[in-house]
Amino acid sequence: MSAAQIMGLVASGQATSRADLSRLLGLAPSTVSSYVQELLDAGLLEESGEGRSRGGRRPRLLSVRAGDGVILAADLGGHHARIATMDRAGRPEAIQDLEIDITAGPEPILAQVTDALAELAAGRPVLGMGIGLPGPVDSDGVVVGSSRMHGWNGFSVRRRLAEYYQAPLVVDNDANLMAMGEAVVRGPELRDFVFVKAGTGLGAALVNDGRLHRGARGVAGDVSHNRVPAGGDRPCNCGNFGCLETISSGAALVAAVRADGVDIATTADLVRLARDGNPTVNTTLRFAGRQLGEVLVTIVNFFNPQAVILSGALATCDLFVAAARGALYERCLPLTTQELQIGESVAGPDAGLLGIGRRLIDQGLAVPVRNLP
């Protein structure tokens, strides 16, 4: 146990008082008070107002103090990046969107992003920096086997960022960070869920007991390269055939609809035509949503989550979501779906940024390190 855990519990909203911390950490109130006072004296926490009484006097409410430093965050996609400065509690302050081309390679993209972040930070101290990438990232911050990030494979993003920032770093897959952002917005009641990013590509993440499950090498949650019968012999960017991504990703759907004579170029065009009721697009979306749902059936039966949360452009298409939901209810064990929530993300476009803030706080962002007994 460390003082950083106290910061994490307060920042995530799980603890709003010393009594909450004592209960969650299983420590004596006097021990918790000692650590809280240390954080108050360091200017990292603050107490204000009064909470609800549970039989004694009303507790003083704890919160993370913003301070002068900033967290820097960048959520990268194939053609865009959303960057932000955030306060010590992981709340966005200034947000900016950039146009990028991820296939330009790591050196120019990281230079573009770090230059833009430097302008946004305006000389304030950097408390930590995080970046989300649209491909698999191992536990060392190295891009591994990405089919869409040409030129990035084997590149250590963490090592390069460490040359820019002398601060805690988070380098992870974008779906993982978006899942943590969803956890921030929904609060501590949602502890176990599957998060699916369905946009131009497909990605997924697992949150177990409030913590991101990254697996032995940090790449858990990749559903896009599961082979599915409906994929047949369609070649995938990963080098295999018949992967889910070849039939259920936005890129695959755009290609399929174009082959049927519909003039579209992007996933955004696909969504627009779906809302206009285009029959070719709607049929394709139903098929794709069901295929995704059938892959998720195994995960839901095995993991037994509280929720399956869909994000990305395709998650805004009712037909796609309904088809995935139908497959889950039809093919999962009844007990696993009895109280299962299936729906769209509520964290919005800032999910990845919020997830970066949460991860940095959890790993001890600018917190005095003193072990708890």
Foldseek 3Di string as FASTA:
>chain_A
DWLLVVLLCQLLPQDFFLVSVCVVVVHDSVLSVVSVVVCVVVQQKDWADFDDDPPDDTTTTIHGGFDFAWEWEWEDDQFKIKIFTHTLSLHGDDIDMDTDHLQVADPVVVVVRVVVSCVRRVPTHHLEYEYADQAAAWPQQAGDLGLRRHHRHRPRPVVVVVVVDPHHYYHGHLQQLLVLLLCSVVGQVFQWEKEWEAEQFIWIWTGHRNHTDQPDTRGPTGQQADADVVQPQCADSSGGTRGLRCQQHLNNLVVVVVVVPDDDDGSVVLLVVLVVVDPSSLVSLLVSLLSVLLSCQVVLQVRLGQEYEYEYSSLVRPNSQVSSVVNNCVPHDCVSVVRYYYHYRPSPPCSSSSSRSSVCSSVRRVHDTDDRD
